Amino acid sequence: NKMEKTIVVKIEDRYPHPMYSKTL
């Protein structure tokens, strides 16, 4: 939040690997 009137937001997207089913 170091900028004036601006924030940086981290958005995570969790999904399974198509072949191995590990959550990425």
PDB file of all heavy atoms in Angstrom:
ATOM      1  N   ASN A   1       0.836  -1.201   0.000  1.00  0.00           N
ATOM      2  CA  ASN A   1       0.000   0.000   0.000  1.00  0.00           C
ATOM      3  C   ASN A   1       0.876   1.258   0.000  1.00  0.00           C
ATOM      4  O   ASN A   1       0.471   2.296   0.499  1.00  0.00           O
ATOM      5  CB  ASN A   1      -0.950   0.004   1.204  1.00  0.00           C
ATOM      6  CG  ASN A   1      -0.220   0.063   2.521  1.00  0.00           C
ATOM      7  OD1 ASN A   1       0.986  -0.150   2.579  1.00  0.00           O
ATOM      8  ND2 ASN A   1      -0.926   0.339   3.588  1.00  0.00           N
ATOM      9  N   LYS A   2       2.045   1.166  -0.594  1.00  0.00           N
ATOM     10  CA  LYS A   2       3.016   2.253  -0.547  1.00  0.00           C
ATOM     11  C   LYS A   2       2.726   3.390  -1.528  1.00  0.00           C
ATOM     12  O   LYS A   2       3.272   4.471  -1.395  1.00  0.00           O
ATOM     13  CB  LYS A   2       4.420   1.710  -0.781  1.00  0.00           C
ATOM     14  CG  LYS A   2       4.862   0.741   0.297  1.00  0.00           C
ATOM     15  CD  LYS A   2       6.294   0.357   0.137  1.00  0.00           C
ATOM     16  CE  LYS A   2       6.756  -0.697   1.081  1.00  0.00           C
ATOM     17  NZ  LYS A   2       6.326  -0.576   2.448  1.00  0.00           N
ATOM     18  N   MET A   3       1.858   3.148  -2.518  1.00  0.00           N
ATOM     19  CA  MET A   3       1.530   4.190  -3.488  1.00  0.00           C
ATOM     20  C   MET A   3       0.329   4.998  -3.007  1.00  0.00           C
ATOM     21  O   MET A   3      -0.446   4.531  -2.171  1.00  0.00           O
ATOM     22  CB  MET A   3       1.230   3.561  -4.854  1.00  0.00           C
ATOM     23  CG  MET A   3       2.417   2.857  -5.460  1.00  0.00           C
ATOM     24  SD  MET A   3       1.994   1.891  -6.908  1.00  0.00           S
ATOM     25  CE  MET A   3       1.483   0.366  -6.154  1.00  0.00           C
ATOM     26  N   GLU A   4       0.173   6.193  -3.534  1.00  0.00           N
ATOM     27  CA  GLU A   4      -0.965   7.028  -3.165  1.00  0.00           C
ATOM     28  C   GLU A   4      -2.220   6.530  -3.868  1.00  0.00           C
ATOM     29  O   GLU A   4      -2.248   6.429  -5.095  1.00  0.00           O
ATOM     30  CB  GLU A   4      -0.701   8.483  -3.538  1.00  0.00           C
ATOM     31  CG  GLU A   4       0.376   9.135  -2.703  1.00  0.00           C
ATOM     32  CD  GLU A   4       0.553  10.600  -3.048  1.00  0.00           C
ATOM     33  OE1 GLU A   4      -0.330  11.176  -3.706  1.00  0.00           O
ATOM     34  OE2 GLU A   4       1.589  11.151  -2.648  1.00  0.00           O
ATOM     35  N   LYS A   5      -3.257   6.217  -3.084  1.00  0.00           N
ATOM     36  CA  LYS A   5      -4.566   5.773  -3.576  1.00  0.00           C
ATOM     37  C   LYS A   5      -4.494   4.502  -4.416  1.00  0.00           C
ATOM     38  O   LYS A   5      -5.366   4.243  -5.233  1.00  0.00           O
ATOM     39  CB  LYS A   5      -5.269   6.888  -4.351  1.00  0.00           C
ATOM     40  CG  LYS A   5      -5.575   8.113  -3.513  1.00  0.00           C
ATOM     41  CD  LYS A   5      -6.427   9.086  -4.262  1.00  0.00           C
ATOM     42  CE  LYS A   5      -6.745  10.284  -3.377  1.00  0.00           C
ATOM     43  NZ  LYS A   5      -7.647  11.204  -4.019  1.00  0.00           N
ATOM     44  N   THR A   6      -3.442   3.702  -4.239  1.00  0.00           N
ATOM     45  CA  THR A   6      -3.276   2.465  -5.000  1.00  0.00           C
ATOM     46  C   THR A   6      -2.789   1.366  -4.075  1.00  0.00           C
ATOM     47  O   THR A   6      -1.931   1.598  -3.227  1.00  0.00           O
ATOM     48  CB  THR A   6      -2.267   2.657  -6.147  1.00  0.00           C
ATOM     49  OG1 THR A   6      -2.708   3.736  -6.968  1.00  0.00           O
ATOM     50  CG2 THR A   6      -2.144   1.414  -6.993  1.00  0.00           C
ATOM     51  N   ILE A   7      -3.340   0.169  -4.238  1.00  0.00           N
ATOM     52  CA  ILE A   7      -2.875  -1.000  -3.502  1.00  0.00           C
ATOM     53  C   ILE A   7      -2.528  -2.100  -4.500  1.00  0.00           C
ATOM     54  O   ILE A   7      -3.023  -2.107  -5.621  1.00  0.00           O
ATOM     55  CB  ILE A   7      -3.943  -1.511  -2.506  1.00  0.00           C
ATOM     56  CG1 ILE A   7      -5.262  -1.809  -3.210  1.00  0.00           C
ATOM     57  CG2 ILE A   7      -4.116  -0.552  -1.359  1.00  0.00           C
ATOM     58  CD1 ILE A   7      -6.341  -2.407  -2.326  1.00  0.00           C
ATOM     59  N   VAL A   8      -1.658  -3.009  -4.086  1.00  0.00           N
ATOM     60  CA  VAL A   8      -1.331  -4.182  -4.893  1.00  0.00           C
ATOM     61  C   VAL A   8      -2.018  -5.362  -4.220  1.00  0.00           C
ATOM     62  O   VAL A   8      -1.808  -5.620  -3.032  1.00  0.00           O
ATOM     63  CB  VAL A   8       0.186  -4.421  -4.982  1.00  0.00           C
ATOM     64  CG1 VAL A   8       0.481  -5.640  -5.833  1.00  0.00           C
ATOM     65  CG2 VAL A   8       0.878  -3.202  -5.563  1.00  0.00           C
ATOM     66  N   VAL A   9      -2.866  -6.079  -4.976  1.00  0.00           N
ATOM     67  CA  VAL A   9      -3.647  -7.188  -4.441  1.00  0.00           C
ATOM     68  C   VAL A   9      -3.175  -8.485  -5.089  1.00  0.00           C
ATOM     69  O   VAL A   9      -3.071  -8.573  -6.307  1.00  0.00           O
ATOM     70  CB  VAL A   9      -5.153  -6.969  -4.709  1.00  0.00           C
ATOM     71  CG1 VAL A   9      -5.960  -8.135  -4.170  1.00  0.00           C
ATOM     72  CG2 VAL A   9      -5.625  -5.666  -4.109  1.00  0.00           C
ATOM     73  N   LYS A  10      -2.891  -9.501  -4.246  1.00  0.00           N
ATOM     74  CA  LYS A  10      -2.477 -10.821  -4.714  1.00  0.00           C
ATOM     75  C   LYS A  10      -3.704 -11.714  -4.737  1.00  0.00           C
ATOM     76  O   LYS A  10      -4.393 -11.879  -3.727  1.00  0.00           O
ATOM     77  CB  LYS A  10      -1.420 -11.397  -3.782  1.00  0.00           C
ATOM     78  CG  LYS A  10      -0.986 -12.802  -4.125  1.00  0.00           C
ATOM     79  CD  LYS A  10       0.061 -13.323  -3.159  1.00  0.00           C
ATOM     80  CE  LYS A  10      -0.580 -13.613  -1.823  1.00  0.00           C
ATOM     81  NZ  LYS A  10       0.311 -14.345  -0.907  1.00  0.00           N
ATOM     82  N   ILE A  11      -3.987 -12.298  -5.904  1.00  0.00           N
ATOM     83  CA  ILE A  11      -5.137 -13.181  -6.070  1.00  0.00           C
ATOM     84  C   ILE A  11      -4.624 -14.571  -6.444  1.00  0.00           C
ATOM     85  O   ILE A  11      -3.854 -14.723  -7.395  1.00  0.00           O
ATOM     86  CB  ILE A  11      -6.104 -12.635  -7.132  1.00  0.00           C
ATOM     87  CG1 ILE A  11      -6.670 -11.307  -6.665  1.00  0.00           C
ATOM     88  CG2 ILE A  11      -7.203 -13.636  -7.432  1.00  0.00           C
ATOM     89  CD1 ILE A  11      -7.503 -10.585  -7.682  1.00  0.00           C
ATOM     90  N   GLU A  12      -5.034 -15.587  -5.665  1.00  0.00           N
ATOM     91  CA  GLU A  12      -4.595 -16.958  -5.902  1.00  0.00           C
ATOM     92  C   GLU A  12      -5.709 -17.754  -6.569  1.00  0.00           C
ATOM     93  O   GLU A  12      -6.863 -17.652  -6.182  1.00  0.00           O
ATOM     94  CB  GLU A  12      -4.204 -17.636  -4.589  1.00  0.00           C
ATOM     95  CG  GLU A  12      -2.946 -17.097  -3.973  1.00  0.00           C
ATOM     96  CD  GLU A  12      -2.545 -17.837  -2.722  1.00  0.00           C
ATOM     97  OE1 GLU A  12      -3.363 -18.609  -2.188  1.00  0.00           O
ATOM     98  OE2 GLU A  12      -1.407 -17.645  -2.287  1.00  0.00           O
ATOM     99  N   ASP A  13      -5.341 -18.545  -7.566  1.00  0.00           N
ATOM    100  CA  ASP A  13      -6.265 -19.426  -8.260  1.00  0.00           C
ATOM    101  C   ASP A  13      -5.781 -20.856  -8.053  1.00  0.00           C
ATOM    102  O   ASP A  13      -4.689 -21.208  -8.480  1.00  0.00           O
ATOM    103  CB  ASP A  13      -6.326 -19.080  -9.742  1.00  0.00           C
ATOM    104  CG  ASP A  13      -7.299 -19.947 -10.517  1.00  0.00           C
ATOM    105  OD1 ASP A  13      -8.288 -20.394  -9.908  1.00  0.00           O
ATOM    106  OD2 ASP A  13      -7.068 -20.179 -11.717  1.00  0.00           O
ATOM    107  N   ARG A  14      -6.565 -21.685  -7.364  1.00  0.00           N
ATOM    108  CA  ARG A  14      -6.196 -23.086  -7.099  1.00  0.00           C
ATOM    109  C   ARG A  14      -6.969 -23.990  -8.044  1.00  0.00           C
ATOM    110  O   ARG A  14      -8.177 -23.840  -8.194  1.00  0.00           O
ATOM    111  CB  ARG A  14      -6.505 -23.457  -5.658  1.00  0.00           C
ATOM    112  CG  ARG A  14      -5.677 -22.689  -4.667  1.00  0.00           C
ATOM    113  CD  ARG A  14      -6.107 -22.983  -3.237  1.00  0.00           C
ATOM    114  NE  ARG A  14      -5.333 -22.195  -2.318  1.00  0.00           N
ATOM    115  CZ  ARG A  14      -4.205 -22.608  -1.737  1.00  0.00           C
ATOM    116  NH1 ARG A  14      -3.752 -23.813  -1.991  1.00  0.00           N
ATOM    117  NH2 ARG A  14      -3.548 -21.824  -0.917  1.00  0.00           N
ATOM    118  N   TYR A  15      -6.260 -24.915  -8.671  1.00  0.00           N
ATOM    119  CA  TYR A  15      -6.899 -25.834  -9.611  1.00  0.00           C
ATOM    120  C   TYR A  15      -6.105 -27.139  -9.645  1.00  0.00           C
ATOM    121  O   TYR A  15      -4.903 -27.148  -9.391  1.00  0.00           O
ATOM    122  CB  TYR A  15      -6.985 -25.209 -11.010  1.00  0.00           C
ATOM    123  CG  TYR A  15      -5.645 -24.862 -11.609  1.00  0.00           C
ATOM    124  CD1 TYR A  15      -5.017 -25.730 -12.486  1.00  0.00           C
ATOM    125  CD2 TYR A  15      -4.988 -23.671 -11.289  1.00  0.00           C
ATOM    126  CE1 TYR A  15      -3.787 -25.433 -13.031  1.00  0.00           C
ATOM    127  CE2 TYR A  15      -3.755 -23.369 -11.821  1.00  0.00           C
ATOM    128  CZ  TYR A  15      -3.160 -24.250 -12.698  1.00  0.00           C
ATOM    129  OH  TYR A  15      -1.935 -23.956 -13.226  1.00  0.00           O
ATOM    130  N   PRO A  16      -6.754 -28.263  -9.963  1.00  0.00           N
ATOM    131  CA  PRO A  16      -6.033 -29.537 -10.028  1.00  0.00           C
ATOM    132  C   PRO A  16      -5.304 -29.698 -11.361  1.00  0.00           C
ATOM    133  O   PRO A  16      -5.792 -29.260 -12.403  1.00  0.00           O
ATOM    134  CB  PRO A  16      -7.144 -30.583  -9.888  1.00  0.00           C
ATOM    135  CG  PRO A  16      -8.349 -29.896 -10.421  1.00  0.00           C
ATOM    136  CD  PRO A  16      -8.198 -28.445 -10.075  1.00  0.00           C
ATOM    137  N   HIS A  17      -4.143 -30.349 -11.305  1.00  0.00           N
ATOM    138  CA  HIS A  17      -3.419 -30.664 -12.527  1.00  0.00           C
ATOM    139  C   HIS A  17      -4.251 -31.660 -13.333  1.00  0.00           C
ATOM    140  O   HIS A  17      -4.816 -32.604 -12.776  1.00  0.00           O
ATOM    141  CB  HIS A  17      -2.056 -31.264 -12.186  1.00  0.00           C
ATOM    142  CG  HIS A  17      -1.177 -31.426 -13.376  1.00  0.00           C
ATOM    143  ND1 HIS A  17      -1.287 -32.515 -14.229  1.00  0.00           N
ATOM    144  CD2 HIS A  17      -0.182 -30.656 -13.882  1.00  0.00           C
ATOM    145  CE1 HIS A  17      -0.395 -32.405 -15.196  1.00  0.00           C
ATOM    146  NE2 HIS A  17       0.295 -31.283 -15.008  1.00  0.00           N
ATOM    147  N   PRO A  18      -4.375 -31.470 -14.663  1.00  0.00           N
ATOM    148  CA  PRO A  18      -5.245 -32.327 -15.458  1.00  0.00           C
ATOM    149  C   PRO A  18      -4.894 -33.823 -15.413  1.00  0.00           C
ATOM    150  O   PRO A  18      -5.775 -34.666 -15.414  1.00  0.00           O
ATOM    151  CB  PRO A  18      -5.089 -31.802 -16.883  1.00  0.00           C
ATOM    152  CG  PRO A  18      -4.361 -30.533 -16.794  1.00  0.00           C
ATOM    153  CD  PRO A  18      -3.762 -30.418 -15.452  1.00  0.00           C
ATOM    154  N   MET A  19      -3.600 -34.149 -15.355  1.00  0.00           N
ATOM    155  CA  MET A  19      -3.208 -35.550 -15.379  1.00  0.00           C
ATOM    156  C   MET A  19      -2.911 -36.106 -13.974  1.00  0.00           C
ATOM    157  O   MET A  19      -3.317 -37.214 -13.640  1.00  0.00           O
ATOM    158  CB  MET A  19      -1.971 -35.744 -16.259  1.00  0.00           C
ATOM    159  CG  MET A  19      -1.526 -37.195 -16.377  1.00  0.00           C
ATOM    160  SD  MET A  19      -0.049 -37.390 -17.350  1.00  0.00           S
ATOM    161  CE  MET A  19      -0.657 -37.045 -18.987  1.00  0.00           C
ATOM    162  N   TYR A  20      -2.214 -35.306 -13.133  1.00  0.00           N
ATOM    163  CA  TYR A  20      -1.707 -35.839 -11.872  1.00  0.00           C
ATOM    164  C   TYR A  20      -2.583 -35.492 -10.667  1.00  0.00           C
ATOM    165  O   TYR A  20      -2.323 -35.952  -9.566  1.00  0.00           O
ATOM    166  CB  TYR A  20      -0.279 -35.347 -11.641  1.00  0.00           C
ATOM    167  CG  TYR A  20       0.633 -35.752 -12.769  1.00  0.00           C
ATOM    168  CD1 TYR A  20       1.196 -34.801 -13.598  1.00  0.00           C
ATOM    169  CD2 TYR A  20       0.910 -37.091 -13.011  1.00  0.00           C
ATOM    170  CE1 TYR A  20       2.022 -35.172 -14.652  1.00  0.00           C
ATOM    171  CE2 TYR A  20       1.725 -37.466 -14.051  1.00  0.00           C
ATOM    172  CZ  TYR A  20       2.281 -36.500 -14.869  1.00  0.00           C
ATOM    173  OH  TYR A  20       3.087 -36.884 -15.905  1.00  0.00           O
ATOM    174  N   SER A  21      -3.587 -34.651 -10.833  1.00  0.00           N
ATOM    175  CA  SER A  21      -4.542 -34.274  -9.787  1.00  0.00           C
ATOM    176  C   SER A  21      -3.926 -33.534  -8.604  1.00  0.00           C
ATOM    177  O   SER A  21      -4.576 -33.374  -7.587  1.00  0.00           O
ATOM    178  CB  SER A  21      -5.305 -35.493  -9.267  1.00  0.00           C
ATOM    179  OG  SER A  21      -6.021 -36.080 -10.321  1.00  0.00           O
ATOM    180  N   LYS A  22      -2.673 -33.114  -8.714  1.00  0.00           N
ATOM    181  CA  LYS A  22      -2.077 -32.295  -7.665  1.00  0.00           C
ATOM    182  C   LYS A  22      -2.674 -30.898  -7.744  1.00  0.00           C
ATOM    183  O   LYS A  22      -2.900 -30.364  -8.833  1.00  0.00           O
ATOM    184  CB  LYS A  22      -0.564 -32.219  -7.849  1.00  0.00           C
ATOM    185  CG  LYS A  22       0.107 -31.336  -6.831  1.00  0.00           C
ATOM    186  CD  LYS A  22       1.594 -31.246  -7.050  1.00  0.00           C
ATOM    187  CE  LYS A  22       2.208 -30.300  -6.040  1.00  0.00           C
ATOM    188  NZ  LYS A  22       3.652 -30.216  -6.163  1.00  0.00           N
ATOM    189  N   THR A  23      -2.944 -30.285  -6.591  1.00  0.00           N
ATOM    190  CA  THR A  23      -3.490 -28.940  -6.567  1.00  0.00           C
ATOM    191  C   THR A  23      -2.376 -27.938  -6.862  1.00  0.00           C
ATOM    192  O   THR A  23      -1.359 -27.903  -6.158  1.00  0.00           O
ATOM    193  CB  THR A  23      -4.122 -28.630  -5.200  1.00  0.00           C
ATOM    194  OG1 THR A  23      -5.151 -29.581  -4.961  1.00  0.00           O
ATOM    195  CG2 THR A  23      -4.718 -27.234  -5.187  1.00  0.00           C
ATOM    196  N   LEU A  24      -2.570 -27.139  -7.890  1.00  0.00           N
ATOM    197  CA  LEU A  24      -1.608 -26.115  -8.272  1.00  0.00           C
ATOM    198  C   LEU A  24      -2.154 -24.751  -7.878  1.00  0.00           C
ATOM    199  O   LEU A  24      -3.367 -24.547  -7.850  1.00  0.00           O
ATOM    200  CB  LEU A  24      -1.360 -26.152  -9.778  1.00  0.00           C
ATOM    201  CG  LEU A  24      -0.825 -27.468 -10.332  1.00  0.00           C
ATOM    202  CD1 LEU A  24      -0.764 -27.406 -11.843  1.00  0.00           C
ATOM    203  CD2 LEU A  24       0.529 -27.771  -9.754  1.00  0.00           C
TER     204      LEU A  24
END
